[in-house]
């Protein structure tokens, strides 16, 4: 049985990403889908107005709605589905799920990107093979600095205002 862990926060976006994998799984092999609901984050200031139990209740209701949209669609095929509500950080939860379902599980991150168009849909990401730190290439990071086209005019305007005040 093939096991796939799917991080989900939006049903429609997740369907777009799961559909190709579901079509691949139509070859007759049973797939076990583990849906992990990743509820939207709440600000730390909300604790002033809402109790912890109310927040947990809201997360549970939100996850139930999400699962209600996805479960009938996934169960219509040759699939077994389990649901999990993420209450711990995702890397820790991933380790727990890998221990529970085996180390050969695949991961599909079907969460909607924070900024629209910022990322392309992600495909299946197999567990990364163990690579020694010596042979691993260093990741390249590109930092885009904001343009400073207003630095000079702003400085000149500030100096002009200071001189105007000093003259009066």
N, C-alpha and C. Protein backbone atom coordinates (compact mmCIF):
# COMPACT_ATOMS: atom_id res chain seq x y z
N UNK A 1 0.85 -1.18 0.00
CA UNK A 1 0.00 0.00 0.00
C UNK A 1 0.89 1.24 0.00
N UNK A 2 0.57 2.15 -0.86
CA UNK A 2 1.31 3.40 -0.99
C UNK A 2 0.70 4.42 -0.03
N UNK A 3 1.53 5.08 0.79
CA UNK A 3 1.03 6.06 1.75
C UNK A 3 1.52 7.44 1.35
N UNK A 4 0.58 8.39 1.33
CA UNK A 4 0.89 9.77 0.96
C UNK A 4 0.35 10.69 2.05
N UNK A 5 1.23 11.53 2.59
CA UNK A 5 0.83 12.52 3.58
C UNK A 5 0.63 13.83 2.85
N UNK A 6 -0.54 14.45 3.03
CA UNK A 6 -0.89 15.67 2.31
C UNK A 6 -1.18 16.78 3.31
N UNK A 7 -0.43 17.88 3.25
CA UNK A 7 -0.71 19.06 4.05
C UNK A 7 -1.74 19.88 3.29
N UNK A 8 -2.87 20.21 3.93
CA UNK A 8 -3.97 20.88 3.26
C UNK A 8 -4.44 22.08 4.08
N UNK A 9 -4.76 23.19 3.39
CA UNK A 9 -5.42 24.31 4.05
C UNK A 9 -6.55 24.88 3.20
N UNK A 10 -6.66 24.45 1.94
CA UNK A 10 -7.72 24.91 1.06
C UNK A 10 -8.13 23.74 0.17
N UNK A 11 -9.39 23.39 0.18
CA UNK A 11 -9.86 22.19 -0.53
C UNK A 11 -9.70 22.30 -2.04
N UNK A 12 -10.09 23.42 -2.64
CA UNK A 12 -10.02 23.55 -4.10
C UNK A 12 -8.58 23.52 -4.59
N UNK A 13 -7.70 24.20 -3.91
CA UNK A 13 -6.28 24.21 -4.30
C UNK A 13 -5.69 22.81 -4.15
N UNK A 14 -6.07 22.13 -3.08
CA UNK A 14 -5.55 20.78 -2.85
C UNK A 14 -6.03 19.81 -3.92
N UNK A 15 -7.28 19.95 -4.37
CA UNK A 15 -7.79 19.08 -5.42
C UNK A 15 -6.97 19.22 -6.70
N UNK A 16 -6.57 20.45 -7.02
CA UNK A 16 -5.76 20.67 -8.22
C UNK A 16 -4.44 19.93 -8.14
N UNK A 17 -3.85 19.86 -6.96
CA UNK A 17 -2.56 19.21 -6.80
C UNK A 17 -2.67 17.70 -6.62
N UNK A 18 -3.77 17.25 -6.02
CA UNK A 18 -3.94 15.82 -5.76
C UNK A 18 -4.43 15.08 -7.01
N UNK A 19 -5.16 15.77 -7.87
CA UNK A 19 -5.76 15.12 -9.04
C UNK A 19 -4.75 14.35 -9.89
N UNK A 20 -3.56 14.91 -10.25
CA UNK A 20 -2.60 14.12 -11.03
C UNK A 20 -2.10 12.88 -10.29
N UNK A 21 -1.90 12.99 -8.98
CA UNK A 21 -1.44 11.85 -8.20
C UNK A 21 -2.54 10.80 -8.09
N UNK A 22 -3.78 11.24 -8.03
CA UNK A 22 -4.91 10.33 -7.97
C UNK A 22 -5.04 9.57 -9.29
N UNK A 23 -4.76 10.26 -10.39
CA UNK A 23 -4.82 9.60 -11.69
C UNK A 23 -3.70 8.56 -11.82
N UNK A 24 -2.53 8.84 -11.27
CA UNK A 24 -1.42 7.89 -11.30
C UNK A 24 -1.75 6.67 -10.45
N UNK A 25 -2.47 6.90 -9.35
CA UNK A 25 -2.81 5.81 -8.43
C UNK A 25 -3.95 4.95 -8.94
N UNK A 26 -4.53 5.30 -10.08
CA UNK A 26 -5.66 4.54 -10.62
C UNK A 26 -5.22 3.23 -11.26
N UNK A 27 -3.95 2.88 -11.15
CA UNK A 27 -3.44 1.66 -11.75
C UNK A 27 -3.87 0.41 -11.00
N UNK A 28 -4.54 0.55 -9.88
CA UNK A 28 -5.03 -0.60 -9.15
C UNK A 28 -4.44 -0.73 -7.76
N UNK A 29 -3.33 -0.04 -7.49
CA UNK A 29 -2.72 -0.13 -6.17
C UNK A 29 -3.49 0.77 -5.20
N UNK A 30 -3.76 0.26 -4.02
CA UNK A 30 -4.48 1.04 -3.02
C UNK A 30 -3.56 2.10 -2.44
N UNK A 31 -4.08 3.31 -2.33
CA UNK A 31 -3.31 4.42 -1.77
C UNK A 31 -3.94 4.83 -0.45
N UNK A 32 -3.10 5.03 0.54
CA UNK A 32 -3.57 5.52 1.84
C UNK A 32 -3.21 7.00 1.92
N UNK A 33 -4.23 7.85 1.91
CA UNK A 33 -4.04 9.29 1.99
C UNK A 33 -4.17 9.72 3.44
N UNK A 34 -3.18 10.42 3.95
CA UNK A 34 -3.23 10.98 5.30
C UNK A 34 -3.36 12.49 5.12
N UNK A 35 -4.57 13.02 5.33
CA UNK A 35 -4.81 14.45 5.17
C UNK A 35 -4.50 15.16 6.48
N UNK A 36 -3.60 16.13 6.42
CA UNK A 36 -3.22 16.91 7.59
C UNK A 36 -3.75 18.32 7.40
N UNK A 37 -4.74 18.70 8.21
CA UNK A 37 -5.34 20.03 8.12
C UNK A 37 -4.43 21.03 8.82
N UNK A 38 -4.01 22.04 8.09
CA UNK A 38 -3.16 23.11 8.64
C UNK A 38 -4.03 24.36 8.75
N UNK A 39 -4.58 24.59 9.93
CA UNK A 39 -5.50 25.72 10.14
C UNK A 39 -4.75 27.04 10.01
N UNK A 40 -5.45 28.10 9.57
CA UNK A 40 -4.81 29.41 9.49
C UNK A 40 -4.33 29.86 10.86
N UNK A 41 -3.23 30.57 10.86
CA UNK A 41 -2.67 31.05 12.12
C UNK A 41 -3.50 32.20 12.67
N UNK A 42 -3.57 32.25 13.98
CA UNK A 42 -4.24 33.36 14.65
C UNK A 42 -3.16 34.21 15.31
N UNK A 43 -3.40 35.49 15.37
CA UNK A 43 -2.41 36.37 15.99
C UNK A 43 -2.33 36.10 17.48
N UNK A 44 -1.20 36.48 18.07
CA UNK A 44 -1.05 36.25 19.51
C UNK A 44 -1.96 37.18 20.31
N UNK A 45 -2.43 38.25 19.71
CA UNK A 45 -3.31 39.19 20.42
C UNK A 45 -4.73 38.66 20.58
N UNK A 46 -5.08 37.65 19.82
CA UNK A 46 -6.44 37.11 19.89
C UNK A 46 -6.69 36.44 21.24
N UNK A 47 -5.62 36.08 21.95
CA UNK A 47 -5.80 35.42 23.25
C UNK A 47 -6.45 36.35 24.27
N UNK A 48 -6.43 37.65 23.99
CA UNK A 48 -7.12 38.60 24.85
C UNK A 48 -8.62 38.38 24.82
N UNK A 49 -9.12 38.01 23.65
CA UNK A 49 -10.56 37.97 23.44
C UNK A 49 -11.14 36.56 23.37
N UNK A 50 -10.32 35.57 23.06
CA UNK A 50 -10.82 34.21 22.86
C UNK A 50 -10.03 33.24 23.73
N UNK A 51 -10.73 32.36 24.39
CA UNK A 51 -10.05 31.39 25.26
C UNK A 51 -9.38 30.30 24.41
N UNK A 52 -8.48 29.57 25.05
CA UNK A 52 -7.76 28.50 24.35
C UNK A 52 -8.73 27.42 23.87
N UNK A 53 -9.69 27.07 24.69
CA UNK A 53 -10.65 26.03 24.28
C UNK A 53 -11.51 26.51 23.11
N UNK A 54 -11.84 27.79 23.06
CA UNK A 54 -12.61 28.32 21.94
C UNK A 54 -11.79 28.28 20.66
N UNK A 55 -10.49 28.58 20.77
CA UNK A 55 -9.61 28.51 19.59
C UNK A 55 -9.50 27.08 19.09
N UNK A 56 -9.33 26.13 20.00
CA UNK A 56 -9.24 24.72 19.62
C UNK A 56 -10.55 24.24 19.00
N UNK A 57 -11.66 24.70 19.54
CA UNK A 57 -12.97 24.35 18.98
C UNK A 57 -13.11 24.90 17.56
N UNK A 58 -12.69 26.14 17.36
CA UNK A 58 -12.76 26.74 16.02
C UNK A 58 -11.88 25.95 15.04
N UNK A 59 -10.66 25.57 15.47
CA UNK A 59 -9.78 24.78 14.59
C UNK A 59 -10.43 23.45 14.21
N UNK A 60 -11.06 22.80 15.17
CA UNK A 60 -11.70 21.51 14.91
C UNK A 60 -12.86 21.68 13.92
N UNK A 61 -13.68 22.73 14.10
CA UNK A 61 -14.79 22.96 13.17
C UNK A 61 -14.26 23.30 11.78
N UNK A 62 -13.19 24.08 11.71
CA UNK A 62 -12.59 24.45 10.43
C UNK A 62 -12.08 23.19 9.72
N UNK A 63 -11.41 22.32 10.46
CA UNK A 63 -10.88 21.08 9.88
C UNK A 63 -12.01 20.17 9.42
N UNK A 64 -13.10 20.10 10.19
CA UNK A 64 -14.23 19.26 9.79
C UNK A 64 -14.82 19.73 8.46
N UNK A 65 -14.94 21.05 8.28
CA UNK A 65 -15.45 21.59 7.01
C UNK A 65 -14.52 21.21 5.86
N UNK A 66 -13.22 21.35 6.10
CA UNK A 66 -12.23 21.04 5.07
C UNK A 66 -12.28 19.56 4.70
N UNK A 67 -12.33 18.70 5.70
CA UNK A 67 -12.39 17.26 5.44
C UNK A 67 -13.69 16.87 4.76
N UNK A 68 -14.79 17.55 5.10
CA UNK A 68 -16.08 17.26 4.46
C UNK A 68 -16.04 17.55 2.97
N UNK A 69 -15.22 18.50 2.54
CA UNK A 69 -15.08 18.81 1.12
C UNK A 69 -14.18 17.82 0.40
N UNK A 70 -13.17 17.28 1.09
CA UNK A 70 -12.19 16.43 0.44
C UNK A 70 -12.46 14.93 0.56
N UNK A 71 -13.00 14.48 1.68
CA UNK A 71 -13.17 13.05 1.91
C UNK A 71 -14.03 12.34 0.86
N UNK A 72 -15.22 12.84 0.52
CA UNK A 72 -16.02 12.12 -0.48
C UNK A 72 -15.30 12.01 -1.83
N UNK A 73 -14.58 13.03 -2.19
CA UNK A 73 -13.86 13.05 -3.46
C UNK A 73 -12.73 12.01 -3.46
N UNK A 74 -11.97 11.92 -2.36
CA UNK A 74 -10.87 10.95 -2.29
C UNK A 74 -11.37 9.52 -2.13
N UNK A 75 -12.42 9.34 -1.34
CA UNK A 75 -12.92 7.99 -1.07
C UNK A 75 -13.66 7.39 -2.26
N UNK A 76 -14.01 8.23 -3.26
CA UNK A 76 -14.71 7.70 -4.43
C UNK A 76 -13.80 6.79 -5.26
N UNK A 77 -12.51 6.98 -5.16
CA UNK A 77 -11.56 6.11 -5.86
C UNK A 77 -11.17 4.93 -4.99
N UNK A 78 -10.12 4.24 -5.38
CA UNK A 78 -9.61 3.09 -4.63
C UNK A 78 -8.62 3.61 -3.58
N UNK A 79 -9.13 4.29 -2.55
CA UNK A 79 -8.24 4.92 -1.58
C UNK A 79 -8.78 4.77 -0.17
N UNK A 80 -7.84 4.77 0.76
CA UNK A 80 -8.15 4.78 2.18
C UNK A 80 -7.69 6.14 2.69
N UNK A 81 -8.50 6.80 3.51
CA UNK A 81 -8.20 8.16 3.93
C UNK A 81 -8.20 8.25 5.45
N UNK A 82 -7.15 8.89 6.00
CA UNK A 82 -7.08 9.20 7.43
C UNK A 82 -6.96 10.72 7.56
N UNK A 83 -7.48 11.26 8.63
CA UNK A 83 -7.42 12.71 8.83
C UNK A 83 -6.68 13.03 10.12
N UNK A 84 -5.93 14.13 10.07
CA UNK A 84 -5.17 14.60 11.23
C UNK A 84 -5.27 16.12 11.26
N UNK A 85 -5.47 16.69 12.43
CA UNK A 85 -5.46 18.13 12.61
C UNK A 85 -4.11 18.51 13.20
N UNK A 86 -3.36 19.36 12.50
CA UNK A 86 -2.02 19.75 12.95
C UNK A 86 -2.12 20.66 14.16
N UNK A 87 -1.58 20.19 15.28
CA UNK A 87 -1.54 20.99 16.50
C UNK A 87 -0.11 21.30 16.90
N UNK A 88 0.83 20.59 16.31
CA UNK A 88 2.26 20.80 16.58
C UNK A 88 2.91 21.34 15.32
N UNK A 89 4.13 21.85 15.41
CA UNK A 89 4.82 22.30 14.20
C UNK A 89 4.93 21.17 13.18
N UNK A 90 4.85 21.50 11.90
CA UNK A 90 4.79 20.50 10.85
C UNK A 90 5.99 19.57 10.78
N UNK A 91 7.23 20.03 11.01
CA UNK A 91 8.34 19.07 10.99
C UNK A 91 8.22 18.00 12.07
N UNK A 92 7.78 18.39 13.27
CA UNK A 92 7.60 17.41 14.34
C UNK A 92 6.46 16.45 13.99
N UNK A 93 5.38 16.98 13.44
CA UNK A 93 4.24 16.15 13.05
C UNK A 93 4.65 15.18 11.95
N UNK A 94 5.48 15.64 11.01
CA UNK A 94 5.94 14.78 9.92
C UNK A 94 6.74 13.60 10.48
N UNK A 95 7.60 13.86 11.46
CA UNK A 95 8.37 12.78 12.08
C UNK A 95 7.45 11.77 12.75
N UNK A 96 6.43 12.27 13.46
CA UNK A 96 5.49 11.37 14.13
C UNK A 96 4.74 10.51 13.11
N UNK A 97 4.30 11.15 12.01
CA UNK A 97 3.55 10.40 11.00
C UNK A 97 4.44 9.39 10.27
N UNK A 98 5.71 9.74 10.06
CA UNK A 98 6.62 8.78 9.42
C UNK A 98 6.87 7.59 10.33
N UNK A 99 6.95 7.82 11.64
CA UNK A 99 7.09 6.69 12.56
C UNK A 99 5.84 5.82 12.54
N UNK A 100 4.68 6.45 12.43
CA UNK A 100 3.42 5.72 12.46
C UNK A 100 3.17 4.95 11.16
N UNK A 101 3.43 5.59 10.01
CA UNK A 101 3.08 4.98 8.72
C UNK A 101 4.28 4.41 7.96
N UNK A 102 5.47 4.58 8.48
CA UNK A 102 6.65 4.05 7.81
C UNK A 102 7.47 5.16 7.18
N UNK A 103 8.74 4.88 7.01
CA UNK A 103 9.66 5.90 6.50
C UNK A 103 9.53 6.12 5.00
N UNK A 104 8.83 5.24 4.28
CA UNK A 104 8.72 5.35 2.83
C UNK A 104 7.49 6.15 2.39
N UNK A 105 6.87 6.86 3.32
CA UNK A 105 5.72 7.67 2.96
C UNK A 105 6.16 8.86 2.11
N UNK A 106 5.27 9.29 1.24
CA UNK A 106 5.55 10.47 0.41
C UNK A 106 4.82 11.67 1.00
N UNK A 107 5.32 12.85 0.71
CA UNK A 107 4.75 14.09 1.22
C UNK A 107 4.28 14.94 0.05
N UNK A 108 3.08 15.48 0.16
CA UNK A 108 2.55 16.42 -0.82
C UNK A 108 2.10 17.65 -0.06
N UNK A 109 2.74 18.78 -0.33
CA UNK A 109 2.37 20.02 0.32
C UNK A 109 1.35 20.71 -0.56
N UNK A 110 0.07 20.58 -0.21
CA UNK A 110 -1.01 21.14 -1.01
C UNK A 110 -1.60 22.38 -0.34
N UNK A 111 -0.78 23.07 0.45
CA UNK A 111 -1.25 24.30 1.06
C UNK A 111 -1.16 25.44 0.05
N UNK A 112 -2.13 26.33 0.09
CA UNK A 112 -2.13 27.48 -0.80
C UNK A 112 -0.98 28.40 -0.40
N UNK A 113 -0.20 28.89 -1.38
CA UNK A 113 0.89 29.81 -1.05
C UNK A 113 0.34 31.08 -0.40
N UNK A 114 1.15 31.69 0.45
CA UNK A 114 0.73 32.90 1.16
C UNK A 114 0.42 34.03 0.19
N UNK A 115 1.27 34.22 -0.82
CA UNK A 115 1.05 35.26 -1.82
C UNK A 115 0.69 34.59 -3.13
N UNK A 116 -0.40 35.02 -3.73
CA UNK A 116 -0.84 34.43 -4.98
C UNK A 116 0.23 34.62 -6.05
N UNK A 117 0.53 33.57 -6.76
CA UNK A 117 1.50 33.64 -7.84
C UNK A 117 2.94 33.62 -7.38
N UNK A 118 3.17 33.58 -6.07
CA UNK A 118 4.54 33.59 -5.57
C UNK A 118 5.23 32.26 -5.82
N UNK A 119 4.44 31.18 -5.79
CA UNK A 119 5.02 29.86 -5.97
C UNK A 119 4.18 29.06 -6.95
N UNK A 120 4.81 28.24 -7.72
CA UNK A 120 4.08 27.33 -8.60
C UNK A 120 3.60 26.15 -7.77
N UNK A 121 2.56 25.45 -8.21
CA UNK A 121 2.11 24.28 -7.46
C UNK A 121 3.23 23.26 -7.30
N UNK A 122 3.31 22.68 -6.11
CA UNK A 122 4.37 21.73 -5.83
C UNK A 122 3.89 20.33 -6.16
N UNK A 123 4.77 19.53 -6.67
CA UNK A 123 4.44 18.14 -6.97
C UNK A 123 4.89 17.27 -5.81
N UNK A 124 4.82 15.96 -5.99
CA UNK A 124 5.24 15.06 -4.93
C UNK A 124 6.70 15.31 -4.59
N UNK A 125 6.97 15.35 -3.30
CA UNK A 125 8.33 15.52 -2.82
C UNK A 125 8.70 14.27 -2.07
N UNK A 126 9.54 13.39 -2.64
CA UNK A 126 9.92 12.19 -1.91
C UNK A 126 10.80 12.57 -0.73
N UNK A 127 10.92 11.67 0.21
CA UNK A 127 11.80 11.94 1.34
C UNK A 127 13.20 12.17 0.83
N UNK A 128 13.85 13.25 1.29
CA UNK A 128 15.18 13.53 0.78
C UNK A 128 16.17 12.46 1.20
N UNK A 129 17.01 11.98 0.28
CA UNK A 129 18.00 10.98 0.65
C UNK A 129 19.05 11.59 1.57
N UNK A 130 19.63 10.76 2.37
CA UNK A 130 20.67 11.24 3.28
C UNK A 130 21.90 11.62 2.47
N UNK A 131 22.27 12.88 2.53
CA UNK A 131 23.42 13.39 1.79
C UNK A 131 24.39 13.93 2.82
N UNK A 132 25.63 13.56 2.64
CA UNK A 132 26.62 14.06 3.60
C UNK A 132 26.80 15.56 3.39
N UNK A 133 27.13 16.24 4.48
CA UNK A 133 27.27 17.69 4.43
C UNK A 133 28.44 18.10 3.56
N UNK A 134 29.42 17.23 3.37
CA UNK A 134 30.59 17.57 2.58
C UNK A 134 30.24 17.61 1.09
N UNK A 135 29.44 16.65 0.63
CA UNK A 135 29.10 16.57 -0.78
C UNK A 135 27.92 17.45 -1.17
N UNK A 136 27.18 17.94 -0.20
CA UNK A 136 25.98 18.71 -0.51
C UNK A 136 26.37 20.10 -1.02
N UNK A 137 25.77 20.53 -2.12
CA UNK A 137 26.06 21.89 -2.60
C UNK A 137 25.43 22.91 -1.68
N UNK A 138 26.08 24.04 -1.56
CA UNK A 138 25.56 25.10 -0.71
C UNK A 138 24.34 25.72 -1.39
N UNK A 139 23.26 25.96 -0.64
CA UNK A 139 22.09 26.55 -1.26
C UNK A 139 22.38 28.00 -1.66
N UNK A 140 21.84 28.40 -2.77
CA UNK A 140 22.02 29.78 -3.21
C UNK A 140 20.82 30.59 -2.77
N UNK A 141 21.09 31.72 -2.19
CA UNK A 141 20.05 32.60 -1.70
C UNK A 141 20.16 33.93 -2.44
N UNK A 142 19.08 34.34 -3.05
CA UNK A 142 19.07 35.61 -3.76
C UNK A 142 18.27 36.60 -2.94
N UNK A 143 18.90 37.71 -2.59
CA UNK A 143 18.25 38.73 -1.80
C UNK A 143 18.04 39.94 -2.69
N UNK A 144 16.79 40.35 -2.82
CA UNK A 144 16.49 41.52 -3.62
C UNK A 144 16.33 42.70 -2.68
N UNK A 145 17.21 43.66 -2.83
CA UNK A 145 17.16 44.84 -1.97
C UNK A 145 16.19 45.85 -2.56
N UNK A 146 15.48 46.58 -1.71
CA UNK A 146 14.54 47.56 -2.23
C UNK A 146 15.29 48.70 -2.92
N UNK A 147 14.66 49.25 -3.93
CA UNK A 147 15.31 50.35 -4.64
C UNK A 147 15.29 51.59 -3.76
N UNK A 148 16.30 52.39 -3.89
CA UNK A 148 16.43 53.59 -3.06
C UNK A 148 16.40 54.83 -3.94
N UNK A 149 15.42 54.92 -4.78
CA UNK A 149 15.34 56.05 -5.69
C UNK A 149 14.92 57.33 -4.99
N UNK A 150 14.27 57.23 -3.84
CA UNK A 150 13.82 58.41 -3.13
C UNK A 150 14.81 58.86 -2.05
N UNK A 151 15.95 58.23 -1.93
CA UNK A 151 16.89 58.58 -0.86
C UNK A 151 17.44 59.99 -1.04
N UNK A 152 17.91 60.33 -2.21
CA UNK A 152 18.50 61.66 -2.44
C UNK A 152 17.44 62.76 -2.37
N UNK A 153 16.31 62.67 -3.06
CA UNK A 153 15.31 63.74 -2.93
C UNK A 153 14.80 63.90 -1.51
N UNK A 154 14.64 62.82 -0.79
CA UNK A 154 14.18 62.92 0.59
C UNK A 154 15.20 63.62 1.47
N UNK A 155 16.46 63.31 1.27
CA UNK A 155 17.53 63.96 2.04
C UNK A 155 17.58 65.44 1.73
N UNK A 156 17.51 65.79 0.46
CA UNK A 156 17.55 67.21 0.08
C UNK A 156 16.35 67.96 0.63
N UNK A 157 15.17 67.35 0.61
CA UNK A 157 13.99 68.01 1.15
C UNK A 157 14.14 68.21 2.65
N UNK A 158 14.70 67.24 3.35
CA UNK A 158 14.91 67.37 4.78
C UNK A 158 15.90 68.49 5.10
N UNK A 159 17.00 68.56 4.36
CA UNK A 159 17.99 69.64 4.57
C UNK A 159 17.37 71.00 4.29
N UNK A 160 16.57 71.11 3.22
CA UNK A 160 15.93 72.37 2.88
C UNK A 160 15.00 72.82 4.00
N UNK A 161 14.23 71.89 4.57
CA UNK A 161 13.32 72.23 5.67
C UNK A 161 14.09 72.68 6.90
N UNK A 162 15.22 72.02 7.20
CA UNK A 162 16.02 72.41 8.37
C UNK A 162 16.60 73.80 8.17
N UNK A 163 17.08 74.10 6.96
CA UNK A 163 17.62 75.44 6.69
C UNK A 163 16.52 76.49 6.77
N UNK A 164 15.32 76.17 6.28
CA UNK A 164 14.20 77.11 6.32
C UNK A 164 13.84 77.43 7.77
N UNK A 165 13.83 76.40 8.64
CA UNK A 165 13.51 76.60 10.06
C UNK A 165 14.62 77.41 10.72
N UNK A 166 15.88 77.14 10.38
CA UNK A 166 17.01 77.84 11.01
C UNK A 166 17.03 79.31 10.60
N UNK A 167 16.62 79.65 9.38
CA UNK A 167 16.62 81.03 8.91
C UNK A 167 15.54 81.81 9.63
N UNK A 168 14.39 81.21 9.88
CA UNK A 168 13.32 81.93 10.58
C UNK A 168 13.67 82.03 12.01
